[in-house]
Amino acid sequence: MLADDDIEGWGTIILSIVVGLLALWFFLAMGGIFALVGPYMIFAARHLIRQKWVRKVGRHLRQQARELVASIRIYTTTWKTLPRDERARFSQSA
């Protein structure tokens, strides 16, 4: 899943650059106020797209952290309930 997110992230970045360059060319060709405001509109749109992607990756990382904490809790509670001789055997094998 993480590889898919990486590919989607790169695709988003490349697509935003291409669309941004096309939009910049269009705004500069229009001239006047469009040439002045256009680059700022492109920057704002790219910033919004980047924020959306960062939020998606952040949710994925938070989910992974929750799963890690849950597995650690399961391991530690299982470890405490093992008989003492079993714990000693696992400690020696590690």
PDB file of N, CA and C in Angstrom:
ATOM      1  N   MET A   1       0.820  -1.200   0.000  1.00  0.00           N
ATOM      2  CA  MET A   1       0.000   0.000   0.000  1.00  0.00           C
ATOM      3  C   MET A   1       0.859   1.258   0.000  1.00  0.00           C
ATOM      4  N   LEU A   2       1.985   1.204   0.719  1.00  0.00           N
ATOM      5  CA  LEU A   2       2.843   2.368   0.788  1.00  0.00           C
ATOM      6  C   LEU A   2       3.450   2.668  -0.582  1.00  0.00           C
ATOM      7  N   ALA A   3       3.786   1.633  -1.349  1.00  0.00           N
ATOM      8  CA  ALA A   3       4.333   1.856  -2.691  1.00  0.00           C
ATOM      9  C   ALA A   3       3.304   2.546  -3.580  1.00  0.00           C
ATOM     10  N   ASP A   4       2.038   2.155  -3.443  1.00  0.00           N
ATOM     11  CA  ASP A   4       0.989   2.815  -4.217  1.00  0.00           C
ATOM     12  C   ASP A   4       0.876   4.284  -3.842  1.00  0.00           C
ATOM     13  N   ASP A   5       1.008   4.573  -2.541  1.00  0.00           N
ATOM     14  CA  ASP A   5       0.954   5.966  -2.090  1.00  0.00           C
ATOM     15  C   ASP A   5       2.127   6.762  -2.641  1.00  0.00           C
ATOM     16  N   ASP A   6       3.320   6.133  -2.689  1.00  0.00           N
ATOM     17  CA  ASP A   6       4.494   6.821  -3.240  1.00  0.00           C
ATOM     18  C   ASP A   6       4.285   7.149  -4.713  1.00  0.00           C
ATOM     19  N   ILE A   7       3.774   6.174  -5.475  1.00  0.00           N
ATOM     20  CA  ILE A   7       3.535   6.400  -6.907  1.00  0.00           C
ATOM     21  C   ILE A   7       2.485   7.481  -7.091  1.00  0.00           C
ATOM     22  N   GLU A   8       1.423   7.406  -6.287  1.00  0.00           N
ATOM     23  CA  GLU A   8       0.368   8.417  -6.397  1.00  0.00           C
ATOM     24  C   GLU A   8       0.918   9.793  -6.022  1.00  0.00           C
ATOM     25  N   GLY A   9       1.785   9.849  -5.025  1.00  0.00           N
ATOM     26  CA  GLY A   9       2.380  11.123  -4.618  1.00  0.00           C
ATOM     27  C   GLY A   9       3.242  11.719  -5.709  1.00  0.00           C
ATOM     28  N   TRP A  10       4.092  10.889  -6.332  1.00  0.00           N
ATOM     29  CA  TRP A  10       4.925  11.377  -7.429  1.00  0.00           C
ATOM     30  C   TRP A  10       4.071  11.803  -8.607  1.00  0.00           C
ATOM     31  N   GLY A  11       3.024  11.024  -8.893  1.00  0.00           N
ATOM     32  CA  GLY A  11       2.129  11.385  -9.985  1.00  0.00           C
ATOM     33  C   GLY A  11       1.456  12.721  -9.742  1.00  0.00           C
ATOM     34  N   THR A  12       1.061  12.963  -8.496  1.00  0.00           N
ATOM     35  CA  THR A  12       0.434  14.235  -8.141  1.00  0.00           C
ATOM     36  C   THR A  12       1.414  15.389  -8.316  1.00  0.00           C
ATOM     37  N   ILE A  13       2.648  15.173  -7.899  1.00  0.00           N
ATOM     38  CA  ILE A  13       3.662  16.235  -8.010  1.00  0.00           C
ATOM     39  C   ILE A  13       3.948  16.550  -9.480  1.00  0.00           C
ATOM     40  N   ILE A  14       4.171  15.523 -10.268  1.00  0.00           N
ATOM     41  CA  ILE A  14       4.484  15.745 -11.687  1.00  0.00           C
ATOM     42  C   ILE A  14       3.302  16.373 -12.414  1.00  0.00           C
ATOM     43  N   LEU A  15       2.102  15.874 -12.134  1.00  0.00           N
ATOM     44  CA  LEU A  15       0.913  16.430 -12.769  1.00  0.00           C
ATOM     45  C   LEU A  15       0.724  17.894 -12.392  1.00  0.00           C
ATOM     46  N   SER A  16       0.952  18.232 -11.123  1.00  0.00           N
ATOM     47  CA  SER A  16       0.773  19.626 -10.722  1.00  0.00           C
ATOM     48  C   SER A  16       1.814  20.537 -11.379  1.00  0.00           C
ATOM     49  N   ILE A  17       3.016  20.024 -11.596  1.00  0.00           N
ATOM     50  CA  ILE A  17       4.039  20.826 -12.279  1.00  0.00           C
ATOM     51  C   ILE A  17       3.645  21.065 -13.731  1.00  0.00           C
ATOM     52  N   VAL A  18       3.206  20.007 -14.416  1.00  0.00           N
ATOM     53  CA  VAL A  18       2.827  20.137 -15.827  1.00  0.00           C
ATOM     54  C   VAL A  18       1.638  21.077 -15.977  1.00  0.00           C
ATOM     55  N   VAL A  19       0.616  20.857 -15.179  1.00  0.00           N
ATOM     56  CA  VAL A  19      -0.573  21.721 -15.255  1.00  0.00           C
ATOM     57  C   VAL A  19      -0.214  23.153 -14.866  1.00  0.00           C
ATOM     58  N   GLY A  20       0.651  23.297 -13.871  1.00  0.00           N
ATOM     59  CA  GLY A  20       1.072  24.639 -13.459  1.00  0.00           C
ATOM     60  C   GLY A  20       1.808  25.382 -14.560  1.00  0.00           C
ATOM     61  N   LEU A  21       2.689  24.669 -15.270  1.00  0.00           N
ATOM     62  CA  LEU A  21       3.408  25.309 -16.374  1.00  0.00           C
ATOM     63  C   LEU A  21       2.469  25.690 -17.513  1.00  0.00           C
ATOM     64  N   LEU A  22       1.517  24.803 -17.812  1.00  0.00           N
ATOM     65  CA  LEU A  22       0.538  25.136 -18.853  1.00  0.00           C
ATOM     66  C   LEU A  22      -0.313  26.342 -18.444  1.00  0.00           C
ATOM     67  N   ALA A  23      -0.726  26.362 -17.189  1.00  0.00           N
ATOM     68  CA  ALA A  23      -1.527  27.496 -16.708  1.00  0.00           C
ATOM     69  C   ALA A  23      -0.698  28.779 -16.716  1.00  0.00           C
ATOM     70  N   LEU A  24       0.569  28.675 -16.334  1.00  0.00           N
ATOM     71  CA  LEU A  24       1.437  29.858 -16.344  1.00  0.00           C
ATOM     72  C   LEU A  24       1.577  30.400 -17.760  1.00  0.00           C
ATOM     73  N   TRP A  25       1.790  29.502 -18.722  1.00  0.00           N
ATOM     74  CA  TRP A  25       1.888  29.939 -20.111  1.00  0.00           C
ATOM     75  C   TRP A  25       0.594  30.631 -20.546  1.00  0.00           C
ATOM     76  N   PHE A  26      -0.548  30.063 -20.154  1.00  0.00           N
ATOM     77  CA  PHE A  26      -1.839  30.655 -20.514  1.00  0.00           C
ATOM     78  C   PHE A  26      -1.996  32.043 -19.894  1.00  0.00           C
ATOM     79  N   PHE A  27      -1.683  32.165 -18.595  1.00  0.00           N
ATOM     80  CA  PHE A  27      -1.841  33.466 -17.927  1.00  0.00           C
ATOM     81  C   PHE A  27      -0.889  34.509 -18.508  1.00  0.00           C
ATOM     82  N   LEU A  28       0.325  34.109 -18.828  1.00  0.00           N
ATOM     83  CA  LEU A  28       1.269  35.068 -19.422  1.00  0.00           C
ATOM     84  C   LEU A  28       0.833  35.461 -20.825  1.00  0.00           C
ATOM     85  N   ALA A  29       0.239  34.513 -21.570  1.00  0.00           N
ATOM     86  CA  ALA A  29      -0.247  34.847 -22.911  1.00  0.00           C
ATOM     87  C   ALA A  29      -1.425  35.812 -22.843  1.00  0.00           C
ATOM     88  N   MET A  30      -2.241  35.714 -21.797  1.00  0.00           N
ATOM     89  CA  MET A  30      -3.382  36.622 -21.636  1.00  0.00           C
ATOM     90  C   MET A  30      -2.907  38.038 -21.331  1.00  0.00           C
ATOM     91  N   GLY A  31      -1.789  38.133 -20.620  1.00  0.00           N
ATOM     92  CA  GLY A  31      -1.226  39.440 -20.300  1.00  0.00           C
ATOM     93  C   GLY A  31      -2.032  40.179 -19.245  1.00  0.00           C
ATOM     94  N   GLY A  32      -1.646  41.397 -18.971  1.00  0.00           N
ATOM     95  CA  GLY A  32      -2.355  42.254 -18.026  1.00  0.00           C
ATOM     96  C   GLY A  32      -2.372  41.695 -16.610  1.00  0.00           C
ATOM     97  N   ILE A  33      -3.527  41.808 -15.981  1.00  0.00           N
ATOM     98  CA  ILE A  33      -3.683  41.380 -14.590  1.00  0.00           C
ATOM     99  C   ILE A  33      -3.504  39.872 -14.450  1.00  0.00           C
ATOM    100  N   PHE A  34      -3.841  39.122 -15.514  1.00  0.00           N
ATOM    101  CA  PHE A  34      -3.689  37.663 -15.463  1.00  0.00           C
ATOM    102  C   PHE A  34      -2.219  37.274 -15.283  1.00  0.00           C
ATOM    103  N   ALA A  35      -1.337  38.017 -15.946  1.00  0.00           N
ATOM    104  CA  ALA A  35       0.092  37.727 -15.826  1.00  0.00           C
ATOM    105  C   ALA A  35       0.603  38.024 -14.419  1.00  0.00           C
ATOM    106  N   LEU A  36      -0.034  38.951 -13.725  1.00  0.00           N
ATOM    107  CA  LEU A  36       0.387  39.271 -12.361  1.00  0.00           C
ATOM    108  C   LEU A  36      -0.209  38.321 -11.326  1.00  0.00           C
ATOM    109  N   VAL A  37      -1.466  37.957 -11.496  1.00  0.00           N
ATOM    110  CA  VAL A  37      -2.175  37.140 -10.500  1.00  0.00           C
ATOM    111  C   VAL A  37      -1.986  35.642 -10.759  1.00  0.00           C
ATOM    112  N   GLY A  38      -1.776  35.253 -11.998  1.00  0.00           N
ATOM    113  CA  GLY A  38      -1.689  33.846 -12.378  1.00  0.00           C
ATOM    114  C   GLY A  38      -0.696  33.020 -11.576  1.00  0.00           C
ATOM    115  N   PRO A  39       0.555  33.471 -11.446  1.00  0.00           N
ATOM    116  CA  PRO A  39       1.521  32.668 -10.682  1.00  0.00           C
ATOM    117  C   PRO A  39       1.092  32.431  -9.232  1.00  0.00           C
ATOM    118  N   TYR A  40       0.444  33.414  -8.618  1.00  0.00           N
ATOM    119  CA  TYR A  40      -0.018  33.229  -7.237  1.00  0.00           C
ATOM    120  C   TYR A  40      -1.159  32.227  -7.161  1.00  0.00           C
ATOM    121  N   MET A  41      -2.014  32.206  -8.176  1.00  0.00           N
ATOM    122  CA  MET A  41      -3.097  31.225  -8.210  1.00  0.00           C
ATOM    123  C   MET A  41      -2.529  29.815  -8.383  1.00  0.00           C
ATOM    124  N   ILE A  42      -1.510  29.672  -9.212  1.00  0.00           N
ATOM    125  CA  ILE A  42      -0.866  28.371  -9.408  1.00  0.00           C
ATOM    126  C   ILE A  42      -0.227  27.912  -8.103  1.00  0.00           C
ATOM    127  N   PHE A  43       0.468  28.825  -7.416  1.00  0.00           N
ATOM    128  CA  PHE A  43       1.095  28.478  -6.145  1.00  0.00           C
ATOM    129  C   PHE A  43       0.047  28.044  -5.116  1.00  0.00           C
ATOM    130  N   ALA A  44      -1.061  28.745  -5.043  1.00  0.00           N
ATOM    131  CA  ALA A  44      -2.117  28.402  -4.087  1.00  0.00           C
ATOM    132  C   ALA A  44      -2.714  27.030  -4.404  1.00  0.00           C
ATOM    133  N   ALA A  45      -2.964  26.750  -5.660  1.00  0.00           N
ATOM    134  CA  ALA A  45      -3.527  25.455  -6.047  1.00  0.00           C
ATOM    135  C   ALA A  45      -2.558  24.322  -5.734  1.00  0.00           C
ATOM    136  N   ARG A  46      -1.292  24.543  -6.029  1.00  0.00           N
ATOM    137  CA  ARG A  46      -0.292  23.503  -5.731  1.00  0.00           C
ATOM    138  C   ARG A  46      -0.175  23.283  -4.233  1.00  0.00           C
ATOM    139  N   HIS A  47      -0.245  24.339  -3.463  1.00  0.00           N
ATOM    140  CA  HIS A  47      -0.177  24.226  -2.001  1.00  0.00           C
ATOM    141  C   HIS A  47      -1.359  23.416  -1.464  1.00  0.00           C
ATOM    142  N   LEU A  48      -2.540  23.639  -1.985  1.00  0.00           N
ATOM    143  CA  LEU A  48      -3.723  22.890  -1.546  1.00  0.00           C
ATOM    144  C   LEU A  48      -3.605  21.409  -1.901  1.00  0.00           C
ATOM    145  N   ILE A  49      -3.116  21.110  -3.092  1.00  0.00           N
ATOM    146  CA  ILE A  49      -2.933  19.715  -3.498  1.00  0.00           C
ATOM    147  C   ILE A  49      -1.910  19.040  -2.589  1.00  0.00           C
ATOM    148  N   ARG A  50      -0.832  19.736  -2.291  1.00  0.00           N
ATOM    149  CA  ARG A  50       0.211  19.174  -1.416  1.00  0.00           C
ATOM    150  C   ARG A  50      -0.338  18.919  -0.017  1.00  0.00           C
ATOM    151  N   GLN A  51      -1.131  19.835   0.530  1.00  0.00           N
ATOM    152  CA  GLN A  51      -1.718  19.644   1.854  1.00  0.00           C
ATOM    153  C   GLN A  51      -2.607  18.413   1.881  1.00  0.00           C
ATOM    154  N   LYS A  52      -3.386  18.209   0.840  1.00  0.00           N
ATOM    155  CA  LYS A  52      -4.271  17.052   0.769  1.00  0.00           C
ATOM    156  C   LYS A  52      -3.451  15.763   0.784  1.00  0.00           C
ATOM    157  N   TRP A  53      -2.371  15.724   0.032  1.00  0.00           N
ATOM    158  CA  TRP A  53      -1.527  14.543  -0.023  1.00  0.00           C
ATOM    159  C   TRP A  53      -0.846  14.291   1.316  1.00  0.00           C
ATOM    160  N   VAL A  54      -0.375  15.344   1.974  1.00  0.00           N
ATOM    161  CA  VAL A  54       0.287  15.202   3.274  1.00  0.00           C
ATOM    162  C   VAL A  54      -0.701  14.671   4.310  1.00  0.00           C
ATOM    163  N   ARG A  55      -1.940  15.150   4.290  1.00  0.00           N
ATOM    164  CA  ARG A  55      -2.951  14.644   5.229  1.00  0.00           C
ATOM    165  C   ARG A  55      -3.199  13.156   5.007  1.00  0.00           C
ATOM    166  N   LYS A  56      -3.237  12.736   3.742  1.00  0.00           N
ATOM    167  CA  LYS A  56      -3.476  11.329   3.436  1.00  0.00           C
ATOM    168  C   LYS A  56      -2.321  10.471   3.963  1.00  0.00           C
ATOM    169  N   VAL A  57      -1.104  10.899   3.742  1.00  0.00           N
ATOM    170  CA  VAL A  57       0.061  10.157   4.226  1.00  0.00           C
ATOM    171  C   VAL A  57       0.078  10.157   5.754  1.00  0.00           C
ATOM    172  N   GLY A  58      -0.281  11.277   6.358  1.00  0.00           N
ATOM    173  CA  GLY A  58      -0.327  11.360   7.815  1.00  0.00           C
ATOM    174  C   GLY A  58      -1.326  10.377   8.408  1.00  0.00           C
ATOM    175  N   ARG A  59      -2.488  10.241   7.783  1.00  0.00           N
ATOM    176  CA  ARG A  59      -3.476   9.268   8.262  1.00  0.00           C
ATOM    177  C   ARG A  59      -2.920   7.858   8.173  1.00  0.00           C
ATOM    178  N   HIS A  60      -2.214   7.569   7.094  1.00  0.00           N
ATOM    179  CA  HIS A  60      -1.626   6.241   6.911  1.00  0.00           C
ATOM    180  C   HIS A  60      -0.581   5.966   7.997  1.00  0.00           C
ATOM    181  N   LEU A  61       0.270   6.937   8.284  1.00  0.00           N
ATOM    182  CA  LEU A  61       1.295   6.755   9.309  1.00  0.00           C
ATOM    183  C   LEU A  61       0.682   6.611  10.698  1.00  0.00           C
ATOM    184  N   ARG A  62      -0.378   7.381  10.985  1.00  0.00           N
ATOM    185  CA  ARG A  62      -1.049   7.244  12.284  1.00  0.00           C
ATOM    186  C   ARG A  62      -1.651   5.856  12.443  1.00  0.00           C
ATOM    187  N   GLN A  63      -2.231   5.321  11.363  1.00  0.00           N
ATOM    188  CA  GLN A  63      -2.804   3.973  11.413  1.00  0.00           C
ATOM    189  C   GLN A  63      -1.718   2.938  11.676  1.00  0.00           C
ATOM    190  N   GLN A  64      -0.574   3.085  11.041  1.00  0.00           N
ATOM    191  CA  GLN A  64       0.529   2.156  11.278  1.00  0.00           C
ATOM    192  C   GLN A  64       1.009   2.242  12.718  1.00  0.00           C
ATOM    193  N   ALA A  65       1.071   3.456  13.262  1.00  0.00           N
ATOM    194  CA  ALA A  65       1.500   3.623  14.652  1.00  0.00           C
ATOM    195  C   ALA A  65       0.509   2.958  15.608  1.00  0.00           C
ATOM    196  N   ARG A  66      -0.792   3.112  15.346  1.00  0.00           N
ATOM    197  CA  ARG A  66      -1.794   2.459  16.190  1.00  0.00           C
ATOM    198  C   ARG A  66      -1.652   0.948  16.149  1.00  0.00           C
ATOM    199  N   GLU A  67      -1.425   0.394  14.957  1.00  0.00           N
ATOM    200  CA  GLU A  67      -1.254  -1.054  14.843  1.00  0.00           C
ATOM    201  C   GLU A  67      -0.005  -1.523  15.577  1.00  0.00           C
ATOM    202  N   LEU A  68       1.066  -0.747  15.522  1.00  0.00           N
ATOM    203  CA  LEU A  68       2.291  -1.095  16.241  1.00  0.00           C
ATOM    204  C   LEU A  68       2.064  -1.093  17.747  1.00  0.00           C
ATOM    205  N   VAL A  69       1.391  -0.069  18.247  1.00  0.00           N
ATOM    206  CA  VAL A  69       1.107   0.007  19.683  1.00  0.00           C
ATOM    207  C   VAL A  69       0.223  -1.151  20.107  1.00  0.00           C
ATOM    208  N   ALA A  70      -0.764  -1.483  19.308  1.00  0.00           N
ATOM    209  CA  ALA A  70      -1.650  -2.605  19.640  1.00  0.00           C
ATOM    210  C   ALA A  70      -0.877  -3.918  19.680  1.00  0.00           C
ATOM    211  N   SER A  71       0.026  -4.128  18.730  1.00  0.00           N
ATOM    212  CA  SER A  71       0.799  -5.372  18.735  1.00  0.00           C
ATOM    213  C   SER A  71       1.747  -5.426  19.926  1.00  0.00           C
ATOM    214  N   ILE A  72       2.311  -4.283  20.321  1.00  0.00           N
ATOM    215  CA  ILE A  72       3.179  -4.256  21.500  1.00  0.00           C
ATOM    216  C   ILE A  72       2.372  -4.568  22.747  1.00  0.00           C
ATOM    217  N   ARG A  73       1.170  -4.011  22.849  1.00  0.00           N
ATOM    218  CA  ARG A  73       0.316  -4.313  24.004  1.00  0.00           C
ATOM    219  C   ARG A  73      -0.020  -5.792  24.069  1.00  0.00           C
ATOM    220  N   ILE A  74      -0.362  -6.371  22.931  1.00  0.00           N
ATOM    221  CA  ILE A  74      -0.687  -7.796  22.914  1.00  0.00           C
ATOM    222  C   ILE A  74       0.527  -8.616  23.336  1.00  0.00           C
ATOM    223  N   TYR A  75       1.699  -8.262  22.841  1.00  0.00           N
ATOM    224  CA  TYR A  75       2.913  -8.996  23.178  1.00  0.00           C
ATOM    225  C   TYR A  75       3.218  -8.894  24.659  1.00  0.00           C
ATOM    226  N   THR A  76       3.128  -7.674  25.214  1.00  0.00           N
ATOM    227  CA  THR A  76       3.475  -7.516  26.630  1.00  0.00           C
ATOM    228  C   THR A  76       2.459  -8.173  27.545  1.00  0.00           C
ATOM    229  N   THR A  77       1.185  -8.127  27.206  1.00  0.00           N
ATOM    230  CA  THR A  77       0.197  -8.794  28.056  1.00  0.00           C
ATOM    231  C   THR A  77       0.339 -10.305  27.951  1.00  0.00           C
ATOM    232  N   THR A  78       0.688 -10.811  26.765  1.00  0.00           N
ATOM    233  CA  THR A  78       0.917 -12.246  26.609  1.00  0.00           C
ATOM    234  C   THR A  78       2.157 -12.659  27.380  1.00  0.00           C
ATOM    235  N   TRP A  79       3.176 -11.830  27.362  1.00  0.00           N
ATOM    236  CA  TRP A  79       4.427 -12.120  28.065  1.00  0.00           C
ATOM    237  C   TRP A  79       4.186 -12.221  29.565  1.00  0.00           C
ATOM    238  N   LYS A  80       3.383 -11.333  30.107  1.00  0.00           N
ATOM    239  CA  LYS A  80       3.114 -11.340  31.550  1.00  0.00           C
ATOM    240  C   LYS A  80       2.306 -12.552  31.975  1.00  0.00           C
ATOM    241  N   THR A  81       1.466 -13.081  31.100  1.00  0.00           N
ATOM    242  CA  THR A  81       0.623 -14.218  31.472  1.00  0.00           C
ATOM    243  C   THR A  81       1.328 -15.561  31.274  1.00  0.00           C
ATOM    244  N   LEU A  82       2.500 -15.563  30.634  1.00  0.00           N
ATOM    245  CA  LEU A  82       3.230 -16.815  30.469  1.00  0.00           C
ATOM    246  C   LEU A  82       3.794 -17.268  31.811  1.00  0.00           C
ATOM    247  N   PRO A  83       3.851 -18.557  32.032  1.00  0.00           N
ATOM    248  CA  PRO A  83       4.498 -19.046  33.254  1.00  0.00           C
ATOM    249  C   PRO A  83       5.971 -18.663  33.266  1.00  0.00           C
ATOM    250  N   ARG A  84       6.540 -18.600  34.453  1.00  0.00           N
ATOM    251  CA  ARG A  84       7.915 -18.127  34.628  1.00  0.00           C
ATOM    252  C   ARG A  84       8.913 -18.979  33.844  1.00  0.00           C
ATOM    253  N   ASP A  85       8.743 -20.289  33.848  1.00  0.00           N
ATOM    254  CA  ASP A  85       9.690 -21.146  33.124  1.00  0.00           C
ATOM    255  C   ASP A  85       9.614 -20.934  31.611  1.00  0.00           C
ATOM    256  N   GLU A  86       8.429 -20.629  31.080  1.00  0.00           N
ATOM    257  CA  GLU A  86       8.290 -20.329  29.653  1.00  0.00           C
ATOM    258  C   GLU A  86       9.005 -19.030  29.311  1.00  0.00           C
ATOM    259  N   ARG A  87       8.856 -18.020  30.181  1.00  0.00           N
ATOM    260  CA  ARG A  87       9.535 -16.738  29.926  1.00  0.00           C
ATOM    261  C   ARG A  87      11.041 -16.924  29.920  1.00  0.00           C
ATOM    262  N   ALA A  88      11.558 -17.752  30.840  1.00  0.00           N
ATOM    263  CA  ALA A  88      12.999 -17.987  30.900  1.00  0.00           C
ATOM    264  C   ALA A  88      13.475 -18.677  29.624  1.00  0.00           C
ATOM    265  N   ARG A  89      12.670 -19.604  29.121  1.00  0.00           N
ATOM    266  CA  ARG A  89      13.056 -20.318  27.908  1.00  0.00           C
ATOM    267  C   ARG A  89      13.108 -19.361  26.707  1.00  0.00           C
ATOM    268  N   PHE A  90      12.122 -18.446  26.600  1.00  0.00           N
ATOM    269  CA  PHE A  90      12.127 -17.469  25.498  1.00  0.00           C
ATOM    270  C   PHE A  90      13.279 -16.483  25.639  1.00  0.00           C
ATOM    271  N   SER A  91      13.599 -16.091  26.869  1.00  0.00           N
ATOM    272  CA  SER A  91      14.680 -15.131  27.083  1.00  0.00           C
ATOM    273  C   SER A  91      16.022 -15.727  26.684  1.00  0.00           C
ATOM    274  N   GLN A  92      16.228 -17.012  26.955  1.00  0.00           N
ATOM    275  CA  GLN A  92      17.504 -17.667  26.622  1.00  0.00           C
ATOM    276  C   GLN A  92      17.646 -17.877  25.121  1.00  0.00           C
ATOM    277  N   SER A  93      16.515 -18.094  24.417  1.00  0.00           N
ATOM    278  CA  SER A  93      16.608 -18.354  22.986  1.00  0.00           C
ATOM    279  C   SER A  93      16.847 -17.077  22.177  1.00  0.00           C
ATOM    280  N   ALA A  94      16.556 -15.932  22.760  1.00  0.00           N
ATOM    281  CA  ALA A  94      16.696 -14.665  22.031  1.00  0.00           C
ATOM    282  C   ALA A  94      18.084 -14.143  22.006  1.00  0.00           C
TER     283      ALA A  94
END
